[in-house]
Amino acid sequence: MLDRIFKLSENNTNVRTELLAGLTTFLTMAYIIVVQPMVLTGKLSDGGATGMDFGAVMTATCIAAALASAIMGLYGRYPIAQAPGMGENFFFVGCMLPAAGVMIAAQVKTGQIEANSTTAWQIGLGVVFYSGVLFLLLSMLGVREKLMEAISPSMRNGIAIGIGLFIVLIGMDSAGLLLKDPNTGWKLNARFDSPDLVVFFFGLLATAALHARRIRGSIILGIIAATLFSAALKYGLPCLGERVMNSPLVKDSMLLNNFMLADRIVSTPPSIEPTFFKMDLVGALSWAMAPFILIFLFMVLFDTLGTLIGVAEQAGLIRDNRLPRAKQALMSDALGTVAGAALGTSTVTSFIESASGVEQGGRTGLTALCAAAMFILALFFSPIIDMVGSYRPITAPALIVVGTMMMRNVSKIDWNNYAESLPTLLIIAGIPLTFSIADGLALGFIAYPLVKLLSGQGRDVKWLMYVMAVVLVAYFVAVRVQTP
C-alpha cells in the first residue's frame, strides 16, 4: 500500500530508506523544539520576557511542524519537513513585538482600547495568521508555482549551492567553530581543544568516514556516535580535577551548560491552552502592523521557495525545468503557518535540514510523514529530544556533510554566460552572507532581469521575473526600510 501511495519503486527507494531519512531529517532539526520556545518567550533576547508560555509554545511548535510536514508528505509527496522557521522567530520577538507594544501603549493612552485587553504577542500571532492567509491565497492562485517555473536552471542550481553553503555556515556556527567578529563578521575559534569542538570534530570525522564508505544510515550513526562521545566526555571531565573544571575553556563550554543525560525517557506533553487560539486578529489589522504582515509574507515566500528548489534539485526531482506537484507542495507551509498562528507559534516554513534526509536516500513524502510522526512522539519523549537538540555540536557535523553534497550542483551552472552566472553568484553568496534565504534570493531576482536586459538577452526572461524585480525593489524601499 505504501508503495502505491508514495510510488517508492518509481523513485528507486523503499520503506526502510524513507523512514531512516525521516528520522535523520528530524534529528537535524529537532533543536527547533527547544529553541523555538526559548526565542518566543524571550529567553534568547535582550528584550526580556514576552509573556508567552514556554510549554505551550513547545507543544504548538511540535503540532504545527507535524501538521505541515504531514500535509507535505501526503499532499505534496516530497521529502521535505516543515517547522517554525529560524529568522522569522527572532524577527517576531526582536522587531514586531516591540512595535506592537508601542502601538498598544498609544491606543491605551488615547482610549481606543482598555489596558490589559491584549498583549503584543497576541497581536504578533494575528500578524502571522494574516501573512499565512495571504500566503495561502498566492499558493491557491498558482502565483508561487509560476514564479518557480520562471527561475532559470542556472539560478535554480545556484539556490541549491547557496543553501548548501548556508547549511555549512549554520553547522560551523552551531558547533562553535565560528565566532562573531565586529570587524569581519566571523572568525575562526582557534581553541580546538575546547570540549565543544572536540565533540564536533569527532562527530564530523565519524560521519564523514561512514558516508565516504557509503554505509547506510551514516548521518544518523554519526549523530548517535557524537551523542555517546558527548556523554563520555562530559562525565569524564570531573575526573580530571577541579583545576580543569574551573578553566574558562571548560567552564564556558556548551557541553557542561547545555548537555545533560535525560533523567527519564517519557514525559507528559505541556498544555497548549495558554496560547491556543489566543491571537488578536482585530489588533493585527492596523496600519502599524501592515508592514510586518508583508515582511512575514516575503520571508516565508522566498524561504520556502528557495528550500523547495534547493532540496528538489539535490534529490533530482526537477523534471523539464518544472517541479511536479509544485502547487501541492507550496500549499503545505501556507496551511502550516495559518495553523501555527492559531496554535501559538510563529511562521512555519520548509526546513533546509531536510537536505540531510534527502542525502540519506529520502525521495518521497514518506520521509516527511516520518518526520511528522517524530514531532508528535517528541511531545512524549521530550527529555531525549532535549538532550540531543539542546547541544548542537552533536548534529552540526551532519549539516557540514549535507552542505558538502550540495556543492556538486556548481557544475550545472552556465558560467560562460555572465548574464546567467552573475545573478546566480549573487544568490550563492547572498544566502549565507546575509544569513537569509529570502534576502539572498532577492539579490539574484532583482539583478537577473536587469543584467539579461542590458546584455541583450531580455527575451530569455519570463515576464514574471520582471514583475518580481519591481515588486522586490518597491518592497525594500517602501516597506523594509521602515522597520527596525
Protein backbone atom coordinates (compact mmCIF):
# COMPACT_ATOMS: atom_id res chain seq x y z
CA MET A 1 0.00 0.00 0.00
CA LEU A 2 2.80 2.43 0.89
CA ASP A 3 4.48 1.70 -2.40
CA ARG A 4 1.29 2.60 -4.27
CA ILE A 5 0.65 5.80 -2.29
CA PHE A 6 4.20 7.18 -2.34
CA LYS A 7 5.45 5.49 -5.54
CA LEU A 8 8.50 4.10 -3.75
CA SER A 9 9.57 1.77 -6.57
CA GLU A 10 9.21 4.52 -9.15
CA ASN A 11 11.56 6.69 -7.08
CA ASN A 12 14.08 3.85 -6.51
CA THR A 13 13.59 3.79 -2.75
CA ASN A 14 11.96 1.62 -0.07
CA VAL A 15 10.19 1.94 3.28
CA ARG A 16 13.35 1.39 5.34
CA THR A 17 15.29 4.08 3.48
CA GLU A 18 12.44 6.57 3.72
CA LEU A 19 11.94 6.04 7.44
CA LEU A 20 15.66 6.35 8.10
CA ALA A 21 15.73 9.54 6.04
CA GLY A 22 12.78 10.93 8.00
CA LEU A 23 14.49 10.17 11.31
CA THR A 24 17.69 11.82 10.06
CA THR A 25 15.81 14.95 8.98
CA PHE A 26 14.02 15.11 12.31
CA LEU A 27 17.19 14.79 14.39
CA THR A 28 18.98 17.54 12.47
CA MET A 29 16.05 19.92 13.02
CA ALA A 30 14.96 18.72 16.48
CA TYR A 31 16.71 21.73 18.02
CA ILE A 32 13.70 23.83 16.98
CA ILE A 33 11.61 22.08 19.66
CA VAL A 34 13.86 23.59 22.32
CA VAL A 35 14.99 26.79 20.60
CA GLN A 36 11.56 27.99 19.41
CA PRO A 37 10.00 28.31 22.90
CA MET A 38 13.23 29.87 24.19
CA VAL A 39 13.07 32.51 21.43
CA LEU A 40 9.33 33.26 21.66
CA THR A 41 9.37 33.51 25.46
CA GLY A 42 12.28 35.97 25.31
CA LYS A 43 14.92 33.78 26.92
CA LEU A 44 17.29 34.25 23.97
CA SER A 45 16.81 38.01 23.52
CA ASP A 46 17.76 41.15 25.41
CA GLY A 47 14.20 42.46 25.49
CA GLY A 48 13.08 40.39 28.47
CA ALA A 49 10.12 38.04 28.82
CA THR A 50 7.41 38.26 26.15
CA GLY A 51 4.64 36.74 28.26
CA MET A 52 4.29 33.58 26.17
CA ASP A 53 4.20 30.24 27.98
CA PHE A 54 7.26 28.04 27.33
CA GLY A 55 5.48 24.70 27.47
CA ALA A 56 2.56 25.87 25.34
CA VAL A 57 4.91 27.18 22.63
CA MET A 58 6.83 23.90 22.63
CA THR A 59 3.62 21.90 22.17
CA ALA A 60 2.38 24.32 19.49
CA THR A 61 5.72 24.02 17.68
CA CYS A 62 5.57 20.22 17.60
CA ILE A 63 1.93 20.09 16.48
CA ALA A 64 2.41 22.77 13.79
CA ALA A 65 5.55 21.05 12.49
CA ALA A 66 3.83 17.66 12.46
CA LEU A 67 0.75 19.03 10.70
CA ALA A 68 2.69 20.91 8.00
CA SER A 69 5.12 18.03 7.43
CA ALA A 70 2.25 15.54 7.18
CA ILE A 71 0.49 17.72 4.60
CA MET A 72 3.74 17.93 2.64
CA GLY A 73 4.15 14.16 2.84
CA LEU A 74 0.61 13.16 1.96
CA TYR A 75 -0.44 16.01 -0.35
CA GLY A 76 2.82 17.31 -1.82
CA ARG A 77 4.54 13.89 -1.53
CA TYR A 78 8.01 15.41 -1.17
CA PRO A 79 10.72 14.52 1.40
CA ILE A 80 10.67 17.97 2.98
CA ALA A 81 9.84 18.55 6.64
CA GLN A 82 8.49 21.80 7.98
CA ALA A 83 8.51 23.69 11.27
CA PRO A 84 8.54 27.26 12.62
CA GLY A 85 11.42 28.97 10.84
CA MET A 86 14.60 30.35 12.35
CA GLY A 87 14.94 34.01 11.46
CA GLU A 88 11.21 34.56 11.36
CA ASN A 89 11.02 33.76 15.08
CA PHE A 90 13.77 36.25 16.01
CA PHE A 91 12.13 38.92 13.85
CA PHE A 92 8.84 38.12 15.63
CA VAL A 93 10.39 38.81 19.04
CA GLY A 94 13.03 41.40 18.24
CA CYS A 95 11.18 43.69 15.83
CA MET A 96 7.47 43.02 15.70
CA LEU A 97 6.67 42.61 19.41
CA PRO A 98 8.30 45.93 20.41
CA ALA A 99 6.37 47.68 17.62
CA ALA A 100 3.14 46.00 18.77
CA GLY A 101 3.90 47.07 22.35
CA VAL A 102 4.31 50.70 21.28
CA MET A 103 1.05 50.51 19.33
CA ILE A 104 -0.83 49.07 22.32
CA ALA A 105 0.53 51.76 24.65
CA ALA A 106 -0.55 54.50 22.23
CA GLN A 107 -4.03 53.01 21.84
CA VAL A 108 -4.47 52.69 25.59
CA LYS A 109 -3.35 56.31 26.06
CA THR A 110 -5.87 57.58 23.51
CA GLY A 111 -8.65 55.40 24.90
CA GLN A 112 -9.01 53.21 21.79
CA ILE A 113 -8.59 50.05 23.84
CA GLU A 114 -8.63 49.21 27.53
CA ALA A 115 -5.43 48.43 29.42
CA ASN A 116 -4.55 44.71 29.53
CA SER A 117 -7.17 43.91 26.89
CA THR A 118 -4.50 42.46 24.60
CA THR A 119 -0.77 41.75 24.50
CA ALA A 120 1.99 42.26 21.96
CA TRP A 121 2.45 38.53 21.38
CA GLN A 122 -1.28 38.03 20.72
CA ILE A 123 -1.18 40.76 18.07
CA GLY A 124 2.01 39.17 16.74
CA LEU A 125 0.26 35.85 16.26
CA GLY A 126 -2.53 37.69 14.45
CA VAL A 127 0.04 39.21 12.08
CA VAL A 128 1.50 35.76 11.37
CA PHE A 129 -2.02 34.44 10.76
CA TYR A 130 -2.81 37.12 8.17
CA SER A 131 0.53 36.61 6.42
CA GLY A 132 -0.29 32.90 6.28
CA VAL A 133 -3.71 33.60 4.75
CA LEU A 134 -2.11 35.79 2.06
CA PHE A 135 0.48 33.09 1.52
CA LEU A 136 -2.28 30.53 1.11
CA LEU A 137 -4.08 32.71 -1.45
CA LEU A 138 -0.90 33.11 -3.50
CA SER A 139 -0.50 29.33 -3.44
CA MET A 140 -4.10 28.66 -4.47
CA LEU A 141 -3.84 31.16 -7.34
CA GLY A 142 -0.70 29.44 -8.60
CA VAL A 143 1.48 32.56 -8.31
CA ARG A 144 4.23 30.76 -6.42
CA GLU A 145 4.20 27.86 -8.88
CA LYS A 146 4.57 30.24 -11.84
CA LEU A 147 7.42 32.04 -10.08
CA MET A 148 9.20 28.75 -9.53
CA GLU A 149 8.89 27.87 -13.22
CA ALA A 150 10.25 31.32 -14.20
CA ILE A 151 13.58 30.67 -12.48
CA SER A 152 16.34 29.67 -14.90
CA PRO A 153 18.23 26.34 -14.49
CA SER A 154 21.45 28.16 -13.54
CA MET A 155 19.73 30.14 -10.82
CA ARG A 156 17.93 27.04 -9.59
CA ASN A 157 21.24 25.25 -9.14
CA GLY A 158 22.69 28.39 -7.58
CA ILE A 159 19.94 28.30 -4.98
CA ALA A 160 20.92 24.73 -4.09
CA ILE A 161 24.58 25.77 -3.75
CA GLY A 162 23.72 28.86 -1.70
CA ILE A 163 21.61 26.77 0.65
CA GLY A 164 24.43 24.24 0.88
CA LEU A 165 26.85 26.98 1.97
CA PHE A 166 24.19 28.29 4.36
CA ILE A 167 23.84 24.84 5.91
CA VAL A 168 27.63 24.63 6.33
CA LEU A 169 27.67 28.07 7.96
CA ILE A 170 24.88 27.08 10.34
CA GLY A 171 26.74 23.89 11.19
CA MET A 172 30.01 25.71 11.92
CA ASP A 173 28.20 28.33 13.97
CA SER A 174 26.25 25.69 15.90
CA ALA A 175 29.45 23.80 16.71
CA GLY A 176 31.21 26.92 17.97
CA LEU A 177 33.84 26.63 15.22
CA LEU A 178 32.98 30.16 14.04
CA LEU A 179 32.75 33.15 16.34
CA LYS A 180 31.13 36.53 15.73
CA ASP A 181 33.63 39.30 15.00
CA PRO A 182 32.69 43.02 14.94
CA ASN A 183 35.25 43.78 12.22
CA THR A 184 34.99 40.83 9.84
CA GLY A 185 31.61 39.32 10.76
CA TRP A 186 33.05 35.88 11.51
CA LYS A 187 36.34 34.48 12.71
CA LEU A 188 37.70 31.02 13.45
CA ASN A 189 37.60 29.71 17.01
CA ALA A 190 41.20 28.58 17.32
CA ARG A 191 40.61 26.75 20.62
CA PHE A 192 40.45 23.32 19.03
CA ASP A 193 40.97 21.79 22.48
CA SER A 194 37.62 23.07 23.76
CA PRO A 195 35.13 20.30 24.65
CA ASP A 196 32.56 21.58 22.13
CA LEU A 197 34.97 21.49 19.20
CA VAL A 198 36.34 18.12 20.30
CA VAL A 199 32.79 16.72 20.14
CA PHE A 200 32.17 18.43 16.79
CA PHE A 201 35.35 17.15 15.14
CA PHE A 202 34.76 13.65 16.50
CA GLY A 203 31.24 13.65 15.05
CA LEU A 204 32.43 15.15 11.75
CA LEU A 205 35.17 12.57 11.25
CA ALA A 206 32.87 9.71 12.21
CA THR A 207 30.06 10.90 9.91
CA ALA A 208 32.40 11.70 7.00
CA ALA A 209 34.13 8.32 7.26
CA LEU A 210 30.84 6.41 7.35
CA HIS A 211 29.44 8.49 4.49
CA ALA A 212 32.56 8.06 2.36
CA ARG A 213 32.29 4.28 2.84
CA ARG A 214 28.65 4.54 1.69
CA ILE A 215 27.35 2.91 4.86
CA ARG A 216 23.57 3.15 5.09
CA GLY A 217 22.41 5.43 7.87
CA SER A 218 25.79 7.17 8.04
CA ILE A 219 24.37 10.50 9.17
CA ILE A 220 22.16 9.08 11.91
CA LEU A 221 25.02 6.81 13.05
CA GLY A 222 27.27 9.86 13.23
CA ILE A 223 24.73 11.66 15.43
CA ILE A 224 24.49 8.64 17.73
CA ALA A 225 28.29 8.39 17.93
CA ALA A 226 28.60 12.10 18.77
CA THR A 227 25.90 11.77 21.45
CA LEU A 228 27.66 8.85 23.14
CA PHE A 229 31.02 10.62 22.92
CA SER A 230 29.49 13.79 24.44
CA ALA A 231 28.19 11.80 27.40
CA ALA A 232 31.55 10.11 27.93
CA LEU A 233 33.43 13.40 27.68
CA LYS A 234 31.13 15.37 29.97
CA TYR A 235 31.05 12.83 32.75
CA GLY A 236 34.76 12.13 32.36
CA LEU A 237 35.86 15.75 32.76
CA PRO A 238 35.16 15.92 36.54
CA CYS A 239 37.65 13.09 36.99
CA LEU A 240 40.42 15.40 35.75
CA GLY A 241 40.10 17.62 38.80
CA GLU A 242 38.83 20.99 39.95
CA ARG A 243 41.52 22.92 38.07
CA VAL A 244 40.32 21.57 34.72
CA MET A 245 36.64 22.07 35.56
CA ASN A 246 37.20 25.71 36.52
CA SER A 247 39.29 26.64 33.49
CA PRO A 248 37.47 29.14 31.19
CA LEU A 249 37.79 26.73 28.27
CA VAL A 250 35.79 24.05 30.07
CA LYS A 251 33.69 26.20 32.37
CA ASP A 252 32.09 28.13 29.48
CA SER A 253 31.60 25.04 27.33
CA MET A 254 28.16 24.29 25.88
CA LEU A 255 28.89 20.68 26.79
CA LEU A 256 28.76 21.46 30.50
CA ASN A 257 25.98 24.03 30.33
CA ASN A 258 23.61 22.51 27.76
CA PHE A 259 24.17 18.78 27.52
CA MET A 260 22.72 16.56 30.22
CA LEU A 261 21.74 12.93 30.09
CA ALA A 262 17.97 12.55 30.29
CA ASP A 263 16.82 11.59 33.78
CA ARG A 264 13.78 9.92 32.27
CA ILE A 265 12.57 8.85 28.85
CA VAL A 266 8.84 9.61 28.79
CA SER A 267 7.04 12.77 29.95
CA THR A 268 3.57 14.30 29.72
CA PRO A 269 3.21 16.93 26.96
CA PRO A 270 2.80 20.51 28.25
CA SER A 271 -0.65 22.09 27.88
CA ILE A 272 -1.23 24.21 24.77
CA GLU A 273 -4.10 26.13 26.37
CA PRO A 274 -2.12 29.34 27.22
CA THR A 275 -1.54 30.07 23.51
CA PHE A 276 -4.26 28.11 21.73
CA PHE A 277 -6.41 30.49 19.63
CA LYS A 278 -5.13 33.47 21.61
CA MET A 279 -4.19 35.51 18.51
CA ASP A 280 -5.62 39.03 18.33
CA LEU A 281 -6.99 39.32 14.80
CA VAL A 282 -8.53 42.73 15.37
CA GLY A 283 -5.38 44.31 16.78
CA ALA A 284 -3.29 42.88 13.95
CA LEU A 285 -5.47 44.66 11.37
CA SER A 286 -3.91 48.08 11.80
CA TRP A 287 -1.70 50.31 9.65
CA ALA A 288 1.11 49.94 12.17
CA MET A 289 1.15 46.18 11.70
CA ALA A 290 0.64 46.14 7.89
CA PRO A 291 4.39 46.33 7.09
CA PHE A 292 5.03 43.33 9.34
CA ILE A 293 2.38 41.28 7.56
CA LEU A 294 4.16 41.99 4.26
CA ILE A 295 7.59 41.23 5.71
CA PHE A 296 6.48 37.86 7.05
CA LEU A 297 4.83 37.12 3.71
CA PHE A 298 8.06 37.96 1.89
CA MET A 299 10.24 35.95 4.27
CA VAL A 300 8.18 32.76 4.14
CA LEU A 301 7.56 33.06 0.38
CA PHE A 302 11.23 33.12 -0.53
CA ASP A 303 12.47 30.92 2.32
CA THR A 304 10.13 28.14 1.21
CA LEU A 305 10.71 28.71 -2.48
CA GLY A 306 14.48 28.55 -2.01
CA THR A 307 14.40 25.47 0.21
CA LEU A 308 11.98 23.60 -2.04
CA ILE A 309 14.06 24.29 -5.16
CA GLY A 310 17.37 23.55 -3.44
CA VAL A 311 16.29 20.25 -1.89
CA ALA A 312 14.37 19.13 -5.00
CA GLU A 313 17.42 19.89 -7.17
CA GLN A 314 19.63 17.88 -4.84
CA ALA A 315 17.21 14.94 -4.91
CA GLY A 316 16.89 15.04 -8.72
CA LEU A 317 13.15 15.71 -8.57
CA ILE A 318 13.10 18.55 -11.14
CA ARG A 319 11.59 17.41 -14.45
CA ASP A 320 11.91 19.52 -17.64
CA ASN A 321 12.65 22.64 -15.60
CA ARG A 322 9.48 22.05 -13.58
CA LEU A 323 8.75 20.61 -10.18
CA PRO A 324 5.84 18.17 -10.41
CA ARG A 325 3.07 18.82 -7.86
CA ALA A 326 4.64 22.20 -7.03
CA LYS A 327 1.27 23.71 -6.09
CA GLN A 328 0.54 20.92 -3.62
CA ALA A 329 3.99 21.24 -2.07
CA LEU A 330 3.67 25.00 -1.73
CA MET A 331 0.28 24.72 -0.03
CA SER A 332 1.63 22.78 2.94
CA ASP A 333 3.68 25.52 4.57
CA ALA A 334 0.91 28.07 3.96
CA LEU A 335 -1.54 25.83 5.80
CA GLY A 336 1.10 25.20 8.46
CA THR A 337 1.60 28.94 9.05
CA VAL A 338 -2.13 29.57 9.44
CA ALA A 339 -2.50 26.61 11.79
CA GLY A 340 0.70 27.50 13.66
CA ALA A 341 -0.56 31.01 14.45
CA ALA A 342 -3.79 29.55 15.78
CA LEU A 343 -1.85 27.07 17.91
CA GLY A 344 0.55 29.69 19.25
CA THR A 345 3.80 29.72 17.26
CA SER A 346 5.44 31.81 14.55
CA THR A 347 5.74 31.32 10.77
CA VAL A 348 6.07 27.72 9.55
CA THR A 349 8.38 27.09 6.62
CA SER A 350 10.27 24.31 4.84
CA PHE A 351 13.48 23.42 6.66
CA ILE A 352 16.81 23.32 4.85
CA GLU A 353 17.78 20.47 7.19
CA SER A 354 15.50 18.31 5.00
CA ALA A 355 18.56 18.04 2.75
CA SER A 356 20.07 15.68 5.34
CA GLY A 357 17.20 13.23 4.83
CA VAL A 358 17.50 13.53 1.04
CA GLU A 359 21.21 12.78 1.28
CA GLN A 360 20.28 9.74 3.37
CA GLY A 361 18.13 8.49 0.48
CA GLY A 362 14.71 10.08 1.11
CA ARG A 363 12.84 10.71 -2.13
CA THR A 364 9.12 10.66 -1.30
CA GLY A 365 6.52 12.05 1.07
CA LEU A 366 7.04 9.09 3.39
CA THR A 367 10.21 10.82 4.63
CA ALA A 368 8.22 13.94 5.59
CA LEU A 369 5.48 11.79 7.13
CA CYS A 370 8.05 10.02 9.29
CA ALA A 371 9.43 13.37 10.45
CA ALA A 372 5.87 14.47 11.26
CA ALA A 373 5.35 11.37 13.41
CA MET A 374 8.63 12.08 15.22
CA PHE A 375 7.43 15.58 16.14
CA ILE A 376 4.33 14.06 17.77
CA LEU A 377 6.42 11.44 19.56
CA ALA A 378 8.75 14.20 20.72
CA LEU A 379 5.92 15.57 22.86
CA PHE A 380 6.09 12.38 24.91
CA PHE A 381 9.86 11.85 24.68
CA SER A 382 10.89 15.45 25.23
CA PRO A 383 13.71 14.58 27.71
CA ILE A 384 15.56 12.63 25.00
CA ILE A 385 14.88 15.25 22.32
CA ASP A 386 16.01 17.98 24.72
CA MET A 387 19.24 16.07 25.36
CA VAL A 388 20.17 15.92 21.65
CA GLY A 389 18.54 19.14 20.44
CA SER A 390 19.92 21.43 23.14
CA TYR A 391 23.56 20.56 22.35
CA ARG A 392 24.02 21.41 18.69
CA PRO A 393 27.67 20.26 18.22
CA ILE A 394 26.10 16.78 18.08
CA THR A 395 24.08 17.50 14.92
CA ALA A 396 26.39 20.14 13.39
CA PRO A 397 28.57 17.50 11.61
CA ALA A 398 25.51 16.22 9.73
CA LEU A 399 24.91 19.70 8.33
CA ILE A 400 28.53 20.01 7.17
CA VAL A 401 28.32 16.70 5.31
CA VAL A 402 24.99 17.61 3.71
CA GLY A 403 26.27 21.04 2.66
CA THR A 404 29.26 19.37 1.02
CA MET A 405 26.99 17.13 -1.03
CA MET A 406 25.00 20.13 -2.29
CA MET A 407 28.13 21.70 -3.79
CA ARG A 408 28.04 19.28 -6.72
CA ASN A 409 25.42 21.48 -8.39
CA VAL A 410 28.15 24.01 -9.21
CA SER A 411 28.96 22.15 -12.43
CA LYS A 412 25.40 22.70 -13.73
CA ILE A 413 25.66 26.50 -13.84
CA ASP A 414 26.25 28.19 -17.19
CA TRP A 415 29.44 30.02 -16.20
CA ASN A 416 30.16 31.08 -19.81
CA ASN A 417 27.06 33.29 -19.89
CA TYR A 418 27.74 36.17 -17.49
CA ALA A 419 24.10 37.27 -17.67
CA GLU A 420 23.28 33.92 -16.01
CA SER A 421 26.33 33.44 -13.79
CA LEU A 422 26.49 36.90 -12.16
CA PRO A 423 22.92 36.92 -10.72
CA THR A 424 23.43 33.27 -9.76
CA LEU A 425 26.61 34.16 -7.88
CA LEU A 426 24.72 36.88 -6.00
CA ILE A 427 22.33 34.20 -4.78
CA ILE A 428 25.13 31.77 -3.91
CA ALA A 429 26.97 34.41 -1.87
CA GLY A 430 23.91 36.29 -0.68
CA ILE A 431 22.15 33.42 1.09
CA PRO A 432 24.94 32.58 3.58
CA LEU A 433 26.37 36.11 3.91
CA THR A 434 23.01 37.71 4.72
CA PHE A 435 22.13 34.65 6.81
CA SER A 436 18.79 34.60 5.00
CA ILE A 437 17.48 32.54 2.09
CA ALA A 438 14.89 35.24 1.35
CA ASP A 439 17.39 38.11 1.17
CA GLY A 440 19.84 36.06 -0.88
CA LEU A 441 17.16 35.22 -3.43
CA ALA A 442 16.06 38.85 -3.56
CA LEU A 443 19.55 39.95 -4.64
CA GLY A 444 19.58 37.50 -7.54
CA PHE A 445 15.95 38.07 -8.52
CA ILE A 446 16.49 41.83 -8.78
CA ALA A 447 19.75 41.53 -10.72
CA TYR A 448 18.73 38.75 -13.12
CA PRO A 449 16.21 40.54 -15.39
CA LEU A 450 18.26 43.75 -15.38
CA VAL A 451 21.51 42.06 -16.39
CA LYS A 452 19.76 39.94 -19.01
CA LEU A 453 18.02 43.00 -20.45
CA LEU A 454 21.21 45.09 -20.60
CA SER A 455 23.14 42.22 -22.19
CA GLY A 456 20.60 41.86 -25.00
CA GLN A 457 19.10 38.65 -23.62
CA GLY A 458 15.92 40.18 -22.26
CA ARG A 459 13.69 37.87 -24.31
CA ASP A 460 15.03 34.87 -22.36
CA VAL A 461 13.47 36.21 -19.17
CA LYS A 462 9.86 35.38 -18.39
CA TRP A 463 7.63 38.37 -17.66
CA LEU A 464 7.03 37.30 -14.06
CA MET A 465 10.72 37.82 -13.24
CA TYR A 466 10.47 41.46 -14.39
CA VAL A 467 7.40 41.93 -12.22
CA MET A 468 9.13 40.27 -9.27
CA ALA A 469 12.18 42.55 -9.61
CA VAL A 470 9.97 45.66 -9.50
CA VAL A 471 7.99 44.30 -6.53
CA LEU A 472 11.16 43.46 -4.60
CA VAL A 473 12.70 46.89 -5.16
CA ALA A 474 9.45 48.53 -4.03
CA TYR A 475 9.32 46.20 -1.03
CA PHE A 476 12.82 47.11 0.16
CA VAL A 477 12.37 50.84 -0.45
CA ALA A 478 8.84 51.30 0.86
CA VAL A 479 8.41 48.54 3.45
CA ARG A 480 11.65 47.02 4.70
CA VAL A 481 13.37 50.35 5.27
CA GLN A 482 10.50 51.43 7.54
CA THR A 483 11.04 48.58 10.04
CA PRO A 484 13.73 48.32 12.74
